[in-house]
N, C-alpha and C. Protein backbone atom coordinates (compact mmCIF):
# COMPACT_ATOMS: atom_id res chain seq x y z
N UNK A 1 33.20 40.08 52.25
CA UNK A 1 32.05 40.11 53.32
C UNK A 1 32.43 39.62 54.57
N UNK A 2 32.28 40.51 55.87
CA UNK A 2 32.76 39.82 57.20
C UNK A 2 34.05 39.32 57.07
N UNK A 3 34.88 39.99 56.34
CA UNK A 3 36.22 39.72 56.32
C UNK A 3 36.35 38.40 55.88
N UNK A 4 35.76 37.72 55.17
CA UNK A 4 35.93 36.33 54.74
C UNK A 4 36.42 36.41 53.22
N UNK A 5 37.03 35.47 52.63
CA UNK A 5 37.63 35.01 51.44
C UNK A 5 36.17 34.64 50.76
N UNK A 6 36.00 34.77 49.49
CA UNK A 6 35.00 34.26 48.63
C UNK A 6 35.22 32.51 48.93
N UNK A 7 36.29 32.12 48.89
CA UNK A 7 36.45 30.72 48.80
C UNK A 7 35.84 29.99 50.30
N UNK A 8 35.84 30.96 51.47
CA UNK A 8 35.29 30.35 52.59
C UNK A 8 33.92 30.41 52.38
N UNK A 9 33.19 31.16 51.69
CA UNK A 9 31.76 31.24 51.67
C UNK A 9 31.23 30.13 50.79
N UNK A 10 32.15 29.76 49.48
CA UNK A 10 32.16 28.71 48.79
C UNK A 10 32.11 27.33 49.49
N UNK A 11 33.03 27.16 50.46
CA UNK A 11 33.37 25.85 51.05
C UNK A 11 31.93 25.84 52.07
N UNK A 12 31.55 26.96 52.76
CA UNK A 12 30.42 26.69 53.54
C UNK A 12 28.91 26.28 52.75
N UNK A 13 29.01 27.09 51.47
CA UNK A 13 27.70 26.66 50.68
C UNK A 13 27.59 25.04 50.73
N UNK A 14 28.82 24.34 50.58
CA UNK A 14 28.82 22.99 50.37
C UNK A 14 28.57 22.38 51.77
N UNK A 15 29.21 23.01 52.91
CA UNK A 15 29.04 22.35 54.13
C UNK A 15 27.51 22.59 54.92
N UNK A 16 26.88 23.49 54.28
CA UNK A 16 25.58 24.23 55.27
C UNK A 16 24.43 24.20 54.11
N UNK A 17 23.39 23.10 54.91
CA UNK A 17 22.16 23.36 53.79
C UNK A 17 21.53 24.47 53.69
N UNK A 18 21.49 25.10 54.60
CA UNK A 18 20.80 26.43 54.72
C UNK A 18 21.25 27.60 53.77
N UNK A 19 22.52 27.21 53.50
CA UNK A 19 23.40 28.45 52.59
C UNK A 19 23.25 27.90 51.12
N UNK A 20 22.41 28.51 50.20
CA UNK A 20 22.16 28.04 49.07
C UNK A 20 21.83 29.14 48.21
N UNK A 21 22.81 30.20 48.02
CA UNK A 21 22.55 31.45 47.34
C UNK A 21 22.02 31.07 45.49
N UNK A 22 21.18 31.87 45.20
CA UNK A 22 21.08 31.54 43.76
C UNK A 22 22.35 32.20 42.76
N UNK A 23 22.27 31.31 41.74
CA UNK A 23 23.44 31.40 41.02
C UNK A 23 23.20 32.24 39.44
N UNK A 24 23.18 33.33 39.00
CA UNK A 24 22.83 33.33 37.56
C UNK A 24 23.67 32.67 36.30
N UNK A 25 23.17 33.14 35.12
CA UNK A 25 23.81 32.37 34.14
C UNK A 25 25.29 32.27 34.06
N UNK A 26 25.73 33.41 34.50
CA UNK A 26 27.27 33.65 34.50
C UNK A 26 27.96 32.69 35.78
N UNK A 27 27.08 32.29 36.72
CA UNK A 27 27.53 31.71 37.80
C UNK A 27 27.99 32.48 38.95
N UNK A 28 27.38 33.97 38.87
CA UNK A 28 27.52 34.66 39.91
C UNK A 28 26.76 34.54 40.91
N UNK A 29 26.89 34.69 42.33
CA UNK A 29 26.04 34.15 43.48
C UNK A 29 25.51 35.40 43.95
N UNK A 30 23.89 35.38 43.88
CA UNK A 30 23.26 36.44 44.50
C UNK A 30 22.68 36.04 45.68
N UNK A 31 23.02 36.81 46.88
CA UNK A 31 22.81 36.28 48.16
C UNK A 31 21.67 37.21 48.79
N UNK A 32 20.60 36.71 49.20
CA UNK A 32 19.42 37.16 49.70
C UNK A 32 19.59 37.66 51.46
N UNK A 33 18.71 38.62 51.74
CA UNK A 33 19.04 39.09 53.20
C UNK A 33 18.98 37.77 54.04
N UNK A 34 18.28 36.59 53.86
CA UNK A 34 18.61 35.07 54.81
C UNK A 34 19.99 34.84 54.50
N UNK A 35 20.54 34.66 53.27
CA UNK A 35 21.58 33.92 53.32
C UNK A 35 22.77 34.62 53.83
N UNK A 36 22.63 36.24 53.82
CA UNK A 36 23.84 36.86 54.39
C UNK A 36 23.70 36.75 56.07
N UNK A 37 22.18 36.62 56.66
CA UNK A 37 22.00 36.10 58.09
C UNK A 37 22.75 34.86 58.20
N UNK A 38 22.49 34.14 57.59
CA UNK A 38 23.01 32.50 57.90
C UNK A 38 24.68 32.75 57.73
N UNK A 39 25.21 33.40 56.55
CA UNK A 39 26.67 33.38 56.73
C UNK A 39 27.50 34.11 57.87
N UNK A 40 26.48 35.32 58.46
CA UNK A 40 26.69 35.73 59.55
C UNK A 40 26.57 34.81 61.04
N UNK A 41 25.66 33.92 60.81
CA UNK A 41 25.77 33.24 61.95
C UNK A 41 26.79 32.08 61.85
N UNK A 42 27.01 31.68 61.07
CA UNK A 42 28.03 30.51 60.53
C UNK A 42 29.20 31.12 61.02
N UNK A 43 29.61 32.33 60.42
CA UNK A 43 31.05 32.92 60.99
C UNK A 43 30.97 33.38 62.46
N UNK A 44 29.87 33.53 63.19
CA UNK A 44 29.77 33.53 64.65
C UNK A 44 30.27 32.39 65.07
N UNK A 45 29.66 31.40 64.77
CA UNK A 45 29.71 30.04 65.40
C UNK A 45 31.14 29.23 65.21
N UNK A 46 31.67 29.45 63.78
CA UNK A 46 32.87 28.99 63.50
C UNK A 46 34.24 29.99 63.91
N UNK A 47 34.12 31.00 63.67
CA UNK A 47 35.17 32.21 63.77
C UNK A 47 35.21 32.84 65.34
N UNK A 48 34.03 33.15 65.94
CA UNK A 48 34.05 33.77 66.98
C UNK A 48 33.89 32.75 68.38
N UNK A 49 33.18 31.75 68.02
CA UNK A 49 32.72 30.76 69.01
C UNK A 49 33.76 29.55 69.04
N UNK A 50 34.35 29.34 67.87
CA UNK A 50 35.40 28.01 67.83
C UNK A 50 34.48 26.79 67.42
N UNK A 51 33.43 26.90 67.25
CA UNK A 51 32.96 25.59 66.85
C UNK A 51 33.49 24.96 65.75
N UNK A 52 33.54 23.65 65.20
CA UNK A 52 34.05 23.02 64.15
C UNK A 52 32.87 23.15 62.99
N UNK A 53 33.05 23.03 61.98
CA UNK A 53 32.08 23.09 60.81
C UNK A 53 31.04 22.12 61.24
N UNK A 54 31.07 20.78 61.62
CA UNK A 54 30.32 19.75 62.08
C UNK A 54 29.83 20.29 63.11
N UNK A 55 29.94 20.96 64.06
CA UNK A 55 29.41 21.44 65.34
C UNK A 55 28.44 22.49 65.16
N UNK A 56 29.03 23.43 64.23
CA UNK A 56 28.17 24.51 63.87
C UNK A 56 27.02 24.30 62.85
N UNK A 57 27.08 23.11 61.95
CA UNK A 57 26.11 22.58 61.16
C UNK A 57 25.05 21.90 62.15
N UNK A 58 25.45 21.07 63.10
CA UNK A 58 24.56 20.49 64.07
C UNK A 58 23.89 21.55 64.96
N UNK A 59 24.41 22.60 65.31
CA UNK A 59 23.94 23.50 66.17
C UNK A 59 22.78 24.64 65.03
N UNK A 60 23.03 24.47 64.00
CA UNK A 60 21.92 25.22 63.05
C UNK A 60 20.76 24.26 62.85
N UNK A 61 21.43 22.96 62.66
CA UNK A 61 20.17 21.97 62.26
C UNK A 61 18.97 21.63 63.39
N UNK A 62 19.83 21.63 64.43
CA UNK A 62 19.16 21.30 65.75
C UNK A 62 18.10 22.66 66.58
N UNK A 63 18.79 23.72 66.46
CA UNK A 63 17.93 24.89 66.99
C UNK A 63 18.29 26.08 66.41
N UNK A 64 18.03 26.53 65.23
CA UNK A 64 18.52 27.53 64.64
C UNK A 64 18.08 28.93 65.21
N UNK A 65 16.83 28.93 65.56
CA UNK A 65 16.04 30.01 66.19
C UNK A 65 16.68 30.49 67.43
N UNK A 66 17.03 29.50 68.46
CA UNK A 66 17.85 29.84 69.44
C UNK A 66 19.22 30.33 69.49
N UNK A 67 19.70 29.57 68.69
CA UNK A 67 21.23 30.13 67.95
C UNK A 67 21.10 31.51 67.54
N UNK A 68 20.35 31.57 66.87
CA UNK A 68 20.18 33.13 66.25
C UNK A 68 19.81 34.20 67.17
N UNK A 69 18.98 33.76 68.19
CA UNK A 69 18.63 34.66 69.39
C UNK A 69 19.78 34.82 70.32
N UNK A 70 20.61 33.89 70.38
CA UNK A 70 21.83 34.03 71.34
C UNK A 70 22.91 35.12 70.34
N UNK A 71 22.87 34.80 69.34
CA UNK A 71 23.97 35.56 68.43
C UNK A 71 23.51 36.97 68.82
N UNK A 72 22.25 37.06 68.61
CA UNK A 72 21.86 38.83 68.46
C UNK A 72 22.06 39.36 69.95
N UNK A 73 21.84 38.60 70.98
CA UNK A 73 22.21 39.16 72.43
C UNK A 73 23.39 39.20 72.30
N UNK A 74 24.70 38.36 72.10
CA UNK A 74 26.01 38.76 72.09
C UNK A 74 26.33 39.93 71.26
N UNK A 75 25.91 39.99 69.89
CA UNK A 75 26.12 41.26 69.09
C UNK A 75 25.66 42.38 70.04
N UNK A 76 24.52 42.42 70.40
CA UNK A 76 24.08 43.84 71.13
C UNK A 76 24.87 43.84 72.26
N UNK A 77 25.45 43.15 73.26
CA UNK A 77 26.19 43.21 74.48
C UNK A 77 27.47 43.82 73.77
N UNK A 78 28.01 43.44 72.57
CA UNK A 78 29.22 43.72 72.12
C UNK A 78 29.11 45.58 71.50
N UNK A 79 27.89 45.63 71.03
CA UNK A 79 27.80 47.06 70.59
C UNK A 79 27.80 48.00 71.95
N UNK A 80 27.05 47.60 73.06
CA UNK A 80 26.92 48.17 74.38
C UNK A 80 28.32 48.63 74.74
N UNK A 81 29.17 47.47 74.80
CA UNK A 81 30.57 47.37 75.42
C UNK A 81 31.28 48.57 74.53
N UNK A 82 31.24 48.32 73.16
CA UNK A 82 31.96 49.45 72.58
C UNK A 82 31.34 50.74 72.86
N UNK A 83 30.21 51.31 73.21
CA UNK A 83 29.46 52.29 73.38
C UNK A 83 29.91 52.95 74.72
N UNK A 84 30.28 51.85 75.51
CA UNK A 84 30.56 52.26 77.01
C UNK A 84 32.31 52.73 76.95
N UNK A 85 32.80 51.87 76.23
CA UNK A 85 34.35 52.26 75.70
C UNK A 85 34.74 53.78 75.53
N UNK A 86 33.89 53.81 74.35
CA UNK A 86 33.87 55.20 73.85
C UNK A 86 33.35 56.11 74.69
N UNK A 87 32.26 56.22 75.45
CA UNK A 87 32.13 56.96 76.77
C UNK A 87 33.40 57.06 77.57
N UNK A 88 33.90 55.91 77.93
CA UNK A 88 35.03 56.38 79.07
C UNK A 88 36.02 57.25 78.42
N UNK A 89 36.83 56.82 76.96
CA UNK A 89 37.36 57.38 76.55
C UNK A 89 37.18 59.06 76.27
N UNK A 90 36.19 59.38 75.98
CA UNK A 90 35.28 60.89 76.08
C UNK A 90 35.71 61.51 77.54
N UNK A 91 35.20 60.62 78.56
CA UNK A 91 35.45 61.28 79.92
C UNK A 91 37.01 61.35 80.25
N UNK A 92 37.81 60.58 79.65
CA UNK A 92 39.35 60.61 79.95
C UNK A 92 39.85 61.61 79.47
N UNK A 93 39.42 61.96 78.12
CA UNK A 93 39.77 63.08 77.42
C UNK A 93 39.62 64.68 77.96
N UNK A 94 38.32 64.50 78.71
CA UNK A 94 37.81 65.89 79.05
C UNK A 94 38.55 66.00 80.73
N UNK A 95 39.08 64.82 81.46
CA UNK A 95 39.85 65.20 82.57
C UNK A 95 41.21 65.64 82.12
N UNK A 96 41.87 65.48 80.96
CA UNK A 96 43.20 65.91 80.45
C UNK A 96 43.30 67.44 80.26
N UNK A 97 42.04 68.13 79.84
CA UNK A 97 41.70 69.63 79.43
C UNK A 97 41.91 70.23 80.36
C-alpha cells in the first residue's frame, strides 16, 4: 500500500492515535476508507514533506482538516503537472513526424 512495507504501517499504528484498524480473530488488519486516508496523509507528511513522526503527529493533532485540505491541493497540482507533461510530450512527438 503506497509503496510502504507492512512494518511501516504497523509502526505508524503505534505512533498515531488516528490509525487504529480493526483486527479480526486471526489478527489480520481490516482498514476502513478513513484508515487509508490517514495512512495516505501520514505518508505525505513523513515521506514527501520530510516531517518527523513527532511533527506529523502534532500536525494531525493540531489541525487535521487543514492538513488534509493542503494535501489534497498538493495532490491535485501534481496531477495537473503530470497531465501537462504528457501534453507536452504529445506535442513534441507531433513535431518529429
